[in-house]
Each structure stands twice: as structure tokens, then as C-alpha cells.
PDB file of N, CA and C in Angstrom:
ATOM      1  N   MET A   1    -144.982  43.886 -84.424  1.00  0.00           N
ATOM      2  CA  MET A   1    -144.491  44.600 -83.262  1.00  0.00           C
ATOM      3  C   MET A   1    -143.124  45.177 -83.610  1.00  0.00           C
ATOM      4  N   ILE A   2    -142.844  46.351 -83.059  1.00  0.00           N
ATOM      5  CA  ILE A   2    -141.561  46.997 -83.299  1.00  0.00           C
ATOM      6  C   ILE A   2    -140.900  47.298 -81.956  1.00  0.00           C
ATOM      7  N   GLY A   3    -139.635  46.902 -81.834  1.00  0.00           N
ATOM      8  CA  GLY A   3    -138.873  47.174 -80.628  1.00  0.00           C
ATOM      9  C   GLY A   3    -137.697  48.069 -80.928  1.00  0.00           C
ATOM     10  N   ASN A   4    -137.477  49.076 -80.112  1.00  0.00           N
ATOM     11  CA  ASN A   4    -136.348  49.994 -80.279  1.00  0.00           C
ATOM     12  C   ASN A   4    -135.320  49.635 -79.209  1.00  0.00           C
ATOM     13  N   ASN A   5    -134.245  48.946 -79.616  1.00  0.00           N
ATOM     14  CA  ASN A   5    -133.234  48.423 -78.703  1.00  0.00           C
ATOM     15  C   ASN A   5    -133.812  47.433 -77.706  1.00  0.00           C
ATOM     16  N   VAL A   6    -134.898  46.759 -78.104  1.00  0.00           N
ATOM     17  CA  VAL A   6    -135.549  45.760 -77.279  1.00  0.00           C
ATOM     18  C   VAL A   6    -135.719  44.502 -78.108  1.00  0.00           C
ATOM     19  N   GLU A   7    -135.191  43.391 -77.602  1.00  0.00           N
ATOM     20  CA  GLU A   7    -135.344  42.114 -78.290  1.00  0.00           C
ATOM     21  C   GLU A   7    -136.726  41.558 -77.968  1.00  0.00           C
ATOM     22  N   ILE A   8    -137.549  41.396 -78.995  1.00  0.00           N
ATOM     23  CA  ILE A   8    -138.919  40.893 -78.800  1.00  0.00           C
ATOM     24  C   ILE A   8    -138.948  39.378 -78.981  1.00  0.00           C
ATOM     25  N   GLY A   9    -138.448  38.909 -80.105  1.00  0.00           N
ATOM     26  CA  GLY A   9    -138.421  37.483 -80.376  1.00  0.00           C
ATOM     27  C   GLY A   9    -137.152  36.868 -79.817  1.00  0.00           C
ATOM     28  N   THR A  10    -137.303  35.799 -79.021  1.00  0.00           N
ATOM     29  CA  THR A  10    -136.133  35.123 -78.485  1.00  0.00           C
ATOM     30  C   THR A  10    -136.204  33.641 -78.845  1.00  0.00           C
ATOM     31  N   SER A  11    -135.083  33.082 -79.198  1.00  0.00           N
ATOM     32  CA  SER A  11    -135.000  31.672 -79.552  1.00  0.00           C
ATOM     33  C   SER A  11    -133.807  31.064 -78.830  1.00  0.00           C
ATOM     34  N   SER A  12    -133.433  29.860 -79.213  1.00  0.00           N
ATOM     35  CA  SER A  12    -132.294  29.210 -78.584  1.00  0.00           C
ATOM     36  C   SER A  12    -130.970  29.740 -79.131  1.00  0.00           C
ATOM     37  N   MET A  13    -131.027  30.599 -80.145  1.00  0.00           N
ATOM     38  CA  MET A  13    -129.818  31.203 -80.710  1.00  0.00           C
ATOM     39  C   MET A  13    -129.350  32.343 -79.806  1.00  0.00           C
ATOM     40  N   ILE A  14    -128.053  32.514 -79.697  1.00  0.00           N
ATOM     41  CA  ILE A  14    -127.485  33.575 -78.874  1.00  0.00           C
ATOM     42  C   ILE A  14    -127.577  34.897 -79.621  1.00  0.00           C
ATOM     43  N   ASN A  15    -128.106  35.919 -78.952  1.00  0.00           N
ATOM     44  CA  ASN A  15    -128.145  37.264 -79.531  1.00  0.00           C
ATOM     45  C   ASN A  15    -126.869  37.982 -79.103  1.00  0.00           C
ATOM     46  N   ASN A  16    -125.942  38.177 -80.035  1.00  0.00           N
ATOM     47  CA  ASN A  16    -124.668  38.821 -79.713  1.00  0.00           C
ATOM     48  C   ASN A  16    -124.525  40.190 -80.369  1.00  0.00           C
ATOM     49  N   ILE A  17    -125.649  40.846 -80.614  1.00  0.00           N
ATOM     50  CA  ILE A  17    -125.603  42.173 -81.250  1.00  0.00           C
ATOM     51  C   ILE A  17    -124.782  43.144 -80.409  1.00  0.00           C
ATOM     52  N   SER A  18    -124.977  43.138 -79.095  1.00  0.00           N
ATOM     53  CA  SER A  18    -124.261  44.099 -78.253  1.00  0.00           C
ATOM     54  C   SER A  18    -122.754  43.847 -78.240  1.00  0.00           C
ATOM     55  N   GLN A  19    -122.325  42.598 -78.441  1.00  0.00           N
ATOM     56  CA  GLN A  19    -120.898  42.313 -78.514  1.00  0.00           C
ATOM     57  C   GLN A  19    -120.333  42.650 -79.899  1.00  0.00           C
ATOM     58  N   ALA A  20    -121.077  42.342 -80.945  1.00  0.00           N
ATOM     59  CA  ALA A  20    -120.607  42.590 -82.310  1.00  0.00           C
ATOM     60  C   ALA A  20    -120.662  44.067 -82.671  1.00  0.00           C
ATOM     61  N   TYR A  21    -121.645  44.779 -82.099  1.00  0.00           N
ATOM     62  CA  TYR A  21    -121.827  46.209 -82.386  1.00  0.00           C
ATOM     63  C   TYR A  21    -121.973  46.971 -81.063  1.00  0.00           C
ATOM     64  N   PRO A  22    -120.894  47.116 -80.291  1.00  0.00           N
ATOM     65  CA  PRO A  22    -121.000  47.733 -78.966  1.00  0.00           C
ATOM     66  C   PRO A  22    -121.498  49.172 -78.976  1.00  0.00           C
ATOM     67  N   ASN A  23    -121.336  49.876 -80.094  1.00  0.00           N
ATOM     68  CA  ASN A  23    -121.815  51.255 -80.191  1.00  0.00           C
ATOM     69  C   ASN A  23    -123.106  51.353 -80.996  1.00  0.00           C
ATOM     70  N   GLY A  24    -123.709  50.202 -81.267  1.00  0.00           N
ATOM     71  CA  GLY A  24    -124.876  50.186 -82.133  1.00  0.00           C
ATOM     72  C   GLY A  24    -126.198  50.308 -81.399  1.00  0.00           C
ATOM     73  N   MET A  25    -127.199  50.659 -82.159  1.00  0.00           N
ATOM     74  CA  MET A  25    -128.592  50.695 -81.727  1.00  0.00           C
ATOM     75  C   MET A  25    -129.332  49.837 -82.735  1.00  0.00           C
ATOM     76  N   PHE A  26    -130.388  49.122 -82.302  1.00  0.00           N
ATOM     77  CA  PHE A  26    -131.115  48.313 -83.265  1.00  0.00           C
ATOM     78  C   PHE A  26    -132.615  48.529 -83.170  1.00  0.00           C
ATOM     79  N   VAL A  27    -133.265  48.265 -84.284  1.00  0.00           N
ATOM     80  CA  VAL A  27    -134.716  48.272 -84.368  1.00  0.00           C
ATOM     81  C   VAL A  27    -135.132  46.858 -84.785  1.00  0.00           C
ATOM     82  N   GLU A  28    -136.057  46.281 -84.033  1.00  0.00           N
ATOM     83  CA  GLU A  28    -136.533  44.935 -84.374  1.00  0.00           C
ATOM     84  C   GLU A  28    -137.948  45.019 -84.904  1.00  0.00           C
ATOM     85  N   PHE A  29    -138.165  44.374 -86.024  1.00  0.00           N
ATOM     86  CA  PHE A  29    -139.483  44.211 -86.611  1.00  0.00           C
ATOM     87  C   PHE A  29    -139.869  42.748 -86.393  1.00  0.00           C
ATOM     88  N   HIS A  30    -140.825  42.524 -85.508  1.00  0.00           N
ATOM     89  CA  HIS A  30    -141.187  41.167 -85.089  1.00  0.00           C
ATOM     90  C   HIS A  30    -142.561  40.794 -85.640  1.00  0.00           C
ATOM     91  N   PHE A  31    -142.616  39.602 -86.208  1.00  0.00           N
ATOM     92  CA  PHE A  31    -143.861  39.044 -86.742  1.00  0.00           C
ATOM     93  C   PHE A  31    -144.205  37.837 -85.895  1.00  0.00           C
ATOM     94  N   THR A  32    -145.331  37.886 -85.202  1.00  0.00           N
ATOM     95  CA  THR A  32    -145.670  36.897 -84.178  1.00  0.00           C
ATOM     96  C   THR A  32    -146.036  35.532 -84.734  1.00  0.00           C
ATOM     97  N   GLY A  33    -146.295  35.409 -86.006  1.00  0.00           N
ATOM     98  CA  GLY A  33    -146.653  34.131 -86.613  1.00  0.00           C
ATOM     99  C   GLY A  33    -147.569  34.356 -87.789  1.00  0.00           C
ATOM    100  N   PHE A  34    -147.603  33.384 -88.654  1.00  0.00           N
ATOM    101  CA  PHE A  34    -148.350  33.550 -89.897  1.00  0.00           C
ATOM    102  C   PHE A  34    -149.449  32.498 -90.062  1.00  0.00           C
ATOM    103  N   ASP A  35    -149.210  31.279 -89.631  1.00  0.00           N
ATOM    104  CA  ASP A  35    -150.149  30.181 -89.822  1.00  0.00           C
ATOM    105  C   ASP A  35    -150.700  29.750 -88.469  1.00  0.00           C
ATOM    106  N   PRO A  36    -152.019  29.887 -88.250  1.00  0.00           N
ATOM    107  CA  PRO A  36    -152.604  29.556 -86.939  1.00  0.00           C
ATOM    108  C   PRO A  36    -152.307  28.123 -86.462  1.00  0.00           C
ATOM    109  N   GLN A  37    -152.090  27.199 -87.395  1.00  0.00           N
ATOM    110  CA  GLN A  37    -151.843  25.820 -86.969  1.00  0.00           C
ATOM    111  C   GLN A  37    -150.540  25.651 -86.189  1.00  0.00           C
ATOM    112  N   TYR A  38    -149.623  26.622 -86.311  1.00  0.00           N
ATOM    113  CA  TYR A  38    -148.339  26.549 -85.597  1.00  0.00           C
ATOM    114  C   TYR A  38    -148.368  27.293 -84.266  1.00  0.00           C
ATOM    115  N   MET A  39    -149.468  27.916 -83.939  1.00  0.00           N
ATOM    116  CA  MET A  39    -149.683  28.600 -82.651  1.00  0.00           C
ATOM    117  C   MET A  39    -148.526  29.532 -82.264  1.00  0.00           C
ATOM    118  N   GLY A  40    -148.050  30.311 -83.221  1.00  0.00           N
ATOM    119  CA  GLY A  40    -146.993  31.288 -82.948  1.00  0.00           C
ATOM    120  C   GLY A  40    -145.588  30.759 -83.055  1.00  0.00           C
ATOM    121  N   MET A  41    -145.436  29.465 -83.302  1.00  0.00           N
ATOM    122  CA  MET A  41    -144.099  28.881 -83.403  1.00  0.00           C
ATOM    123  C   MET A  41    -143.443  29.183 -84.751  1.00  0.00           C
ATOM    124  N   ASP A  42    -144.130  29.921 -85.595  1.00  0.00           N
ATOM    125  CA  ASP A  42    -143.546  30.316 -86.887  1.00  0.00           C
ATOM    126  C   ASP A  42    -143.210  31.814 -86.907  1.00  0.00           C
ATOM    127  N   TRP A  43    -142.895  32.361 -85.716  1.00  0.00           N
ATOM    128  CA  TRP A  43    -142.561  33.782 -85.640  1.00  0.00           C
ATOM    129  C   TRP A  43    -141.216  34.046 -86.310  1.00  0.00           C
ATOM    130  N   ARG A  44    -141.028  35.316 -86.690  1.00  0.00           N
ATOM    131  CA  ARG A  44    -139.770  35.759 -87.314  1.00  0.00           C
ATOM    132  C   ARG A  44    -139.498  37.191 -86.872  1.00  0.00           C
ATOM    133  N   SER A  45    -138.227  37.544 -86.833  1.00  0.00           N
ATOM    134  CA  SER A  45    -137.821  38.918 -86.517  1.00  0.00           C
ATOM    135  C   SER A  45    -136.730  39.358 -87.470  1.00  0.00           C
ATOM    136  N   LEU A  46    -136.763  40.638 -87.784  1.00  0.00           N
ATOM    137  CA  LEU A  46    -135.706  41.275 -88.576  1.00  0.00           C
ATOM    138  C   LEU A  46    -135.175  42.416 -87.725  1.00  0.00           C
ATOM    139  N   ARG A  47    -133.860  42.412 -87.491  1.00  0.00           N
ATOM    140  CA  ARG A  47    -133.226  43.469 -86.696  1.00  0.00           C
ATOM    141  C   ARG A  47    -132.269  44.240 -87.585  1.00  0.00           C
ATOM    142  N   LEU A  48    -132.420  45.548 -87.567  1.00  0.00           N
ATOM    143  CA  LEU A  48    -131.532  46.444 -88.312  1.00  0.00           C
ATOM    144  C   LEU A  48    -130.675  47.171 -87.295  1.00  0.00           C
ATOM    145  N   ILE A  49    -129.348  47.092 -87.462  1.00  0.00           N
ATOM    146  CA  ILE A  49    -128.412  47.678 -86.510  1.00  0.00           C
ATOM    147  C   ILE A  49    -127.803  48.935 -87.133  1.00  0.00           C
ATOM    148  N   PHE A  50    -127.794  50.007 -86.350  1.00  0.00           N
ATOM    149  CA  PHE A  50    -127.272  51.295 -86.804  1.00  0.00           C
ATOM    150  C   PHE A  50    -126.170  51.768 -85.866  1.00  0.00           C
ATOM    151  N   GLU A  51    -125.195  52.488 -86.418  1.00  0.00           N
ATOM    152  CA  GLU A  51    -124.173  53.144 -85.616  1.00  0.00           C
ATOM    153  C   GLU A  51    -124.023  54.587 -86.063  1.00  0.00           C
ATOM    154  N   ASP A  52    -123.729  55.435 -85.097  1.00  0.00           N
ATOM    155  CA  ASP A  52    -123.497  56.860 -85.354  1.00  0.00           C
ATOM    156  C   ASP A  52    -122.048  57.021 -85.848  1.00  0.00           C
ATOM    157  N   VAL A  53    -121.910  57.508 -87.059  1.00  0.00           N
ATOM    158  CA  VAL A  53    -120.592  57.748 -87.645  1.00  0.00           C
ATOM    159  C   VAL A  53    -120.499  59.236 -87.960  1.00  0.00           C
ATOM    160  N   ASN A  54    -119.727  59.955 -87.145  1.00  0.00           N
ATOM    161  CA  ASN A  54    -119.548  61.394 -87.332  1.00  0.00           C
ATOM    162  C   ASN A  54    -120.868  62.148 -87.398  1.00  0.00           C
ATOM    163  N   GLY A  55    -121.787  61.793 -86.497  1.00  0.00           N
ATOM    164  CA  GLY A  55    -123.056  62.518 -86.402  1.00  0.00           C
ATOM    165  C   GLY A  55    -124.128  62.064 -87.369  1.00  0.00           C
ATOM    166  N   SER A  56    -123.874  61.005 -88.128  1.00  0.00           N
ATOM    167  CA  SER A  56    -124.851  60.494 -89.081  1.00  0.00           C
ATOM    168  C   SER A  56    -125.041  58.996 -88.841  1.00  0.00           C
ATOM    169  N   TRP A  57    -126.285  58.548 -88.754  1.00  0.00           N
ATOM    170  CA  TRP A  57    -126.574  57.142 -88.493  1.00  0.00           C
ATOM    171  C   TRP A  57    -126.470  56.311 -89.758  1.00  0.00           C
ATOM    172  N   HIS A  58    -125.750  55.178 -89.653  1.00  0.00           N
ATOM    173  CA  HIS A  58    -125.542  54.296 -90.796  1.00  0.00           C
ATOM    174  C   HIS A  58    -126.000  52.881 -90.443  1.00  0.00           C
ATOM    175  N   LEU A  59    -126.615  52.219 -91.405  1.00  0.00           N
ATOM    176  CA  LEU A  59    -126.973  50.812 -91.253  1.00  0.00           C
ATOM    177  C   LEU A  59    -125.696  49.987 -91.332  1.00  0.00           C
ATOM    178  N   VAL A  60    -125.398  49.230 -90.276  1.00  0.00           N
ATOM    179  CA  VAL A  60    -124.157  48.451 -90.238  1.00  0.00           C
ATOM    180  C   VAL A  60    -124.405  46.947 -90.122  1.00  0.00           C
ATOM    181  N   GLY A  61    -125.636  46.529 -89.856  1.00  0.00           N
ATOM    182  CA  GLY A  61    -125.908  45.116 -89.731  1.00  0.00           C
ATOM    183  C   GLY A  61    -127.382  44.793 -89.918  1.00  0.00           C
ATOM    184  N   ILE A  62    -127.627  43.590 -90.440  1.00  0.00           N
ATOM    185  CA  ILE A  62    -128.977  43.059 -90.634  1.00  0.00           C
ATOM    186  C   ILE A  62    -128.989  41.662 -90.035  1.00  0.00           C
ATOM    187  N   VAL A  63    -129.935  41.414 -89.127  1.00  0.00           N
ATOM    188  CA  VAL A  63    -130.026  40.116 -88.453  1.00  0.00           C
ATOM    189  C   VAL A  63    -131.427  39.556 -88.637  1.00  0.00           C
ATOM    190  N   HIS A  64    -131.498  38.307 -89.063  1.00  0.00           N
ATOM    191  CA  HIS A  64    -132.772  37.581 -89.163  1.00  0.00           C
ATOM    192  C   HIS A  64    -132.801  36.560 -88.051  1.00  0.00           C
ATOM    193  N   ASP A  65    -133.931  36.469 -87.353  1.00  0.00           N
ATOM    194  CA  ASP A  65    -134.087  35.484 -86.295  1.00  0.00           C
ATOM    195  C   ASP A  65    -135.447  34.834 -86.480  1.00  0.00           C
ATOM    196  N   GLU A  66    -135.584  33.607 -86.016  1.00  0.00           N
ATOM    197  CA  GLU A  66    -136.854  32.913 -86.070  1.00  0.00           C
ATOM    198  C   GLU A  66    -136.872  31.835 -85.013  1.00  0.00           C
ATOM    199  N   TRP A  67    -138.061  31.271 -84.775  1.00  0.00           N
ATOM    200  CA  TRP A  67    -138.207  30.239 -83.758  1.00  0.00           C
ATOM    201  C   TRP A  67    -137.355  29.041 -84.134  1.00  0.00           C
ATOM    202  N   THR A  68    -136.629  28.506 -83.159  1.00  0.00           N
ATOM    203  CA  THR A  68    -135.842  27.297 -83.343  1.00  0.00           C
ATOM    204  C   THR A  68    -136.056  26.390 -82.153  1.00  0.00           C
ATOM    205  N   THR A  69    -135.758  25.145 -82.328  1.00  0.00           N
ATOM    206  CA  THR A  69    -135.934  24.190 -81.230  1.00  0.00           C
ATOM    207  C   THR A  69    -134.669  24.064 -80.421  1.00  0.00           C
TER     208      THR A  69
END
């Protein structure tokens, strides 16, 4: 699943992208799970954060998230 400025995977970790990158936009690549025995509890997300710098978009951050207890 792909989210454009939409957080798909949520865990107990605080998502502070909007505070760390107030002018940023992010794309999330979410993987719902890999092993059926974990029933989706092994999901992972990769978020790429971009900012507009003088009319050109630059990658400014990379965030990895996954299911946590």
C-alpha cells in the first residue's frame, strides 16, 4: 500500500514527521505483513520525506516503522 501524506501503519511509536519536517511531504510504502502465522503483526513501513527547496523537491528524511508492543 502507498500513502501520500497519509500514515498507513501505526504503532506505539510517536510519529513526529510533521514536527521534524514542518514544510515536508511524505510518501509511505506500507507492507501489511510477510508471514501468515503473525496475522499482520509483522507489518513494516518506509516513509520518505521530501521538502521543496527553491522549486525542486529534495529527499530530506527516511523513516522506518514497524509493529511494536
